[in-house]
Amino acid sequence: MIQSDYVEVVETMIQDGFSATASAPVYDECNQLWQEFVSIVIEHYNREANRVAHELARVAITSKSSCICVDKPLTLY
C-alpha cells in the first residue's frame, strides 16, 4: 500500500504512470518496478493524516543518518 498527500502523484500513478510533465521518467520507472508486485494500492491521504511520516522524513533528512524502525507501527486514535 502506497499513501501520499500529493494528489497529482496519486492520480498519475493510478493512471498507470502516464504523465506529460518533466516527472514522466520517474513515473515510468516506478511503474516498471511495481510490475514485480502481485498487488499495489495507491491512496491519497491528507497531510494531517500523514504528519508522523512527514516528521520522520524531515528528521532523517536533517540528521543525515540512517534509521531503522523495528517497533510495531503506531496506532493512531
N, C-alpha and C. Protein backbone atom coordinates (compact mmCIF):
# COMPACT_ATOMS: atom_id res chain seq x y z
N MET A 1 0.85 -1.17 0.00
CA MET A 1 0.00 0.00 0.00
C MET A 1 0.89 1.23 0.00
N ILE A 2 0.61 2.13 -0.90
CA ILE A 2 1.34 3.39 -1.01
C ILE A 2 0.37 4.51 -0.68
N GLN A 3 0.79 5.38 0.23
CA GLN A 3 -0.05 6.50 0.64
C GLN A 3 0.73 7.79 0.43
N SER A 4 0.08 8.77 -0.15
CA SER A 4 0.74 10.05 -0.41
C SER A 4 -0.23 11.19 -0.19
N ASP A 5 0.31 12.33 0.22
CA ASP A 5 -0.53 13.50 0.36
C ASP A 5 -0.44 14.40 -0.88
N TYR A 6 0.20 13.92 -1.92
CA TYR A 6 0.36 14.69 -3.15
C TYR A 6 -0.62 14.15 -4.19
N VAL A 7 -1.72 14.88 -4.39
CA VAL A 7 -2.82 14.41 -5.24
C VAL A 7 -2.35 14.13 -6.67
N GLU A 8 -1.51 14.99 -7.23
CA GLU A 8 -1.05 14.80 -8.60
C GLU A 8 -0.30 13.48 -8.78
N VAL A 9 0.54 13.14 -7.82
CA VAL A 9 1.29 11.88 -7.90
C VAL A 9 0.34 10.69 -7.82
N VAL A 10 -0.61 10.74 -6.89
CA VAL A 10 -1.56 9.64 -6.73
C VAL A 10 -2.37 9.45 -8.01
N GLU A 11 -2.90 10.55 -8.56
CA GLU A 11 -3.71 10.44 -9.78
C GLU A 11 -2.89 9.93 -10.95
N THR A 12 -1.65 10.38 -11.07
CA THR A 12 -0.79 9.94 -12.17
C THR A 12 -0.50 8.44 -12.06
N MET A 13 -0.18 7.97 -10.87
CA MET A 13 0.14 6.56 -10.71
C MET A 13 -1.09 5.67 -10.89
N ILE A 14 -2.25 6.15 -10.50
CA ILE A 14 -3.48 5.38 -10.72
C ILE A 14 -3.74 5.25 -12.22
N GLN A 15 -3.31 6.23 -13.00
CA GLN A 15 -3.47 6.19 -14.45
C GLN A 15 -2.27 5.51 -15.12
N ASP A 16 -1.70 4.52 -14.46
CA ASP A 16 -0.56 3.75 -14.96
C ASP A 16 0.69 4.58 -15.23
N GLY A 17 0.86 5.66 -14.49
CA GLY A 17 2.08 6.44 -14.58
C GLY A 17 2.18 7.34 -15.78
N PHE A 18 1.08 7.53 -16.53
CA PHE A 18 1.14 8.40 -17.70
C PHE A 18 1.20 9.86 -17.28
N SER A 19 2.21 10.57 -17.77
CA SER A 19 2.37 11.98 -17.46
C SER A 19 3.08 12.67 -18.61
N ALA A 20 2.65 13.89 -18.91
CA ALA A 20 3.31 14.69 -19.94
C ALA A 20 4.22 15.74 -19.31
N THR A 21 4.53 15.59 -18.03
CA THR A 21 5.36 16.56 -17.33
C THR A 21 6.82 16.11 -17.33
N ALA A 22 7.67 16.95 -16.78
CA ALA A 22 9.10 16.61 -16.67
C ALA A 22 9.32 15.42 -15.75
N SER A 23 8.33 15.09 -14.93
CA SER A 23 8.44 13.96 -14.00
C SER A 23 8.14 12.62 -14.65
N ALA A 24 7.79 12.59 -15.91
CA ALA A 24 7.40 11.36 -16.59
C ALA A 24 8.41 10.22 -16.43
N PRO A 25 9.72 10.45 -16.53
CA PRO A 25 10.67 9.34 -16.36
C PRO A 25 10.60 8.70 -14.97
N VAL A 26 10.34 9.49 -13.95
CA VAL A 26 10.22 8.95 -12.59
C VAL A 26 8.99 8.05 -12.50
N TYR A 27 7.86 8.52 -13.03
CA TYR A 27 6.64 7.71 -13.03
C TYR A 27 6.84 6.42 -13.81
N ASP A 28 7.51 6.51 -14.96
CA ASP A 28 7.76 5.32 -15.77
C ASP A 28 8.58 4.29 -15.00
N GLU A 29 9.62 4.76 -14.32
CA GLU A 29 10.47 3.84 -13.56
C GLU A 29 9.69 3.19 -12.42
N CYS A 30 8.89 3.98 -11.69
CA CYS A 30 8.06 3.42 -10.62
C CYS A 30 7.10 2.37 -11.18
N ASN A 31 6.50 2.69 -12.29
CA ASN A 31 5.55 1.76 -12.91
C ASN A 31 6.24 0.45 -13.28
N GLN A 32 7.44 0.51 -13.79
CA GLN A 32 8.19 -0.70 -14.14
C GLN A 32 8.54 -1.50 -12.90
N LEU A 33 8.99 -0.84 -11.85
CA LEU A 33 9.34 -1.53 -10.62
C LEU A 33 8.13 -2.20 -9.99
N TRP A 34 6.98 -1.56 -10.08
CA TRP A 34 5.77 -2.08 -9.46
C TRP A 34 5.23 -3.32 -10.17
N GLN A 35 5.67 -3.57 -11.38
CA GLN A 35 5.21 -4.75 -12.10
C GLN A 35 5.64 -6.04 -11.40
N GLU A 36 6.66 -5.95 -10.55
CA GLU A 36 7.15 -7.12 -9.83
C GLU A 36 6.27 -7.50 -8.63
N PHE A 37 5.37 -6.62 -8.23
CA PHE A 37 4.49 -6.88 -7.10
C PHE A 37 3.18 -7.52 -7.56
N VAL A 38 2.62 -8.37 -6.71
CA VAL A 38 1.35 -9.01 -7.02
C VAL A 38 0.22 -7.99 -7.00
N SER A 39 0.25 -7.10 -6.02
CA SER A 39 -0.82 -6.12 -5.86
C SER A 39 -0.26 -4.84 -5.25
N ILE A 40 -0.72 -3.71 -5.77
CA ILE A 40 -0.35 -2.41 -5.23
C ILE A 40 -1.60 -1.55 -5.14
N VAL A 41 -1.73 -0.87 -4.02
CA VAL A 41 -2.84 0.05 -3.81
C VAL A 41 -2.24 1.42 -3.56
N ILE A 42 -2.73 2.42 -4.28
CA ILE A 42 -2.25 3.79 -4.11
C ILE A 42 -3.42 4.61 -3.58
N GLU A 43 -3.19 5.31 -2.47
CA GLU A 43 -4.25 6.09 -1.85
C GLU A 43 -3.77 7.50 -1.54
N HIS A 44 -4.69 8.44 -1.60
CA HIS A 44 -4.40 9.81 -1.20
C HIS A 44 -4.79 10.00 0.26
N TYR A 45 -3.91 10.59 1.02
CA TYR A 45 -4.17 10.93 2.41
C TYR A 45 -3.89 12.42 2.59
N ASN A 46 -4.71 13.07 3.37
CA ASN A 46 -4.45 14.48 3.67
C ASN A 46 -3.15 14.61 4.46
N ARG A 47 -2.50 15.73 4.32
CA ARG A 47 -1.23 15.96 5.01
C ARG A 47 -1.36 15.77 6.52
N GLU A 48 -2.50 16.16 7.08
CA GLU A 48 -2.70 16.00 8.52
C GLU A 48 -2.64 14.53 8.93
N ALA A 49 -3.17 13.65 8.11
CA ALA A 49 -3.16 12.22 8.40
C ALA A 49 -1.76 11.63 8.23
N ASN A 50 -0.91 12.33 7.50
CA ASN A 50 0.42 11.84 7.18
C ASN A 50 1.49 12.57 7.99
N ARG A 51 1.11 13.23 9.04
CA ARG A 51 2.01 14.08 9.81
C ARG A 51 3.20 13.31 10.40
N VAL A 52 2.97 12.10 10.91
CA VAL A 52 4.06 11.33 11.52
C VAL A 52 5.11 10.97 10.47
N ALA A 53 4.67 10.49 9.32
CA ALA A 53 5.63 10.14 8.26
C ALA A 53 6.38 11.37 7.78
N HIS A 54 5.69 12.49 7.67
CA HIS A 54 6.33 13.74 7.24
C HIS A 54 7.41 14.15 8.24
N GLU A 55 7.11 14.07 9.51
CA GLU A 55 8.08 14.46 10.54
C GLU A 55 9.29 13.50 10.56
N LEU A 56 9.03 12.20 10.42
CA LEU A 56 10.14 11.24 10.38
C LEU A 56 11.06 11.49 9.19
N ALA A 57 10.46 11.80 8.03
CA ALA A 57 11.26 12.09 6.84
C ALA A 57 12.08 13.37 7.04
N ARG A 58 11.48 14.38 7.66
CA ARG A 58 12.19 15.63 7.92
C ARG A 58 13.39 15.40 8.85
N VAL A 59 13.19 14.62 9.89
CA VAL A 59 14.27 14.32 10.84
C VAL A 59 15.38 13.54 10.14
N ALA A 60 15.01 12.58 9.32
CA ALA A 60 16.02 11.78 8.61
C ALA A 60 16.86 12.63 7.67
N ILE A 61 16.21 13.56 6.99
CA ILE A 61 16.94 14.42 6.06
C ILE A 61 17.87 15.37 6.81
N THR A 62 17.39 15.97 7.89
CA THR A 62 18.22 16.94 8.61
C THR A 62 19.34 16.28 9.40
N SER A 63 19.12 15.04 9.88
CA SER A 63 20.17 14.39 10.66
C SER A 63 21.22 13.72 9.79
N LYS A 64 20.89 13.48 8.52
CA LYS A 64 21.80 12.84 7.56
C LYS A 64 22.37 11.54 8.10
N SER A 65 21.51 10.77 8.79
CA SER A 65 21.93 9.47 9.27
C SER A 65 20.83 8.45 8.96
N SER A 66 21.18 7.20 8.99
CA SER A 66 20.23 6.15 8.69
C SER A 66 19.52 5.70 9.96
N CYS A 67 18.26 5.35 9.82
CA CYS A 67 17.47 4.84 10.94
C CYS A 67 16.66 3.65 10.46
N ILE A 68 16.48 2.70 11.34
CA ILE A 68 15.63 1.55 11.04
C ILE A 68 14.62 1.44 12.17
N CYS A 69 13.35 1.40 11.81
CA CYS A 69 12.29 1.30 12.81
C CYS A 69 11.98 -0.19 13.01
N VAL A 70 12.16 -0.68 14.23
CA VAL A 70 11.94 -2.09 14.49
C VAL A 70 10.72 -2.33 15.39
N ASP A 71 10.08 -1.26 15.82
CA ASP A 71 8.90 -1.39 16.67
C ASP A 71 7.66 -1.61 15.83
N LYS A 72 6.59 -1.94 16.49
CA LYS A 72 5.31 -2.09 15.80
C LYS A 72 4.87 -0.72 15.27
N PRO A 73 4.08 -0.70 14.17
CA PRO A 73 3.57 0.58 13.67
C PRO A 73 2.75 1.31 14.72
N LEU A 74 2.76 2.62 14.65
CA LEU A 74 1.97 3.43 15.58
C LEU A 74 0.49 3.22 15.35
N THR A 75 -0.28 3.25 16.41
CA THR A 75 -1.72 3.20 16.31
C THR A 75 -2.24 4.60 16.58
N LEU A 76 -2.96 5.15 15.60
CA LEU A 76 -3.49 6.50 15.75
C LEU A 76 -4.91 6.43 16.27
N TYR A 77 -5.22 7.26 17.25
CA TYR A 77 -6.56 7.29 17.83
C TYR A 77 -7.21 8.61 17.51
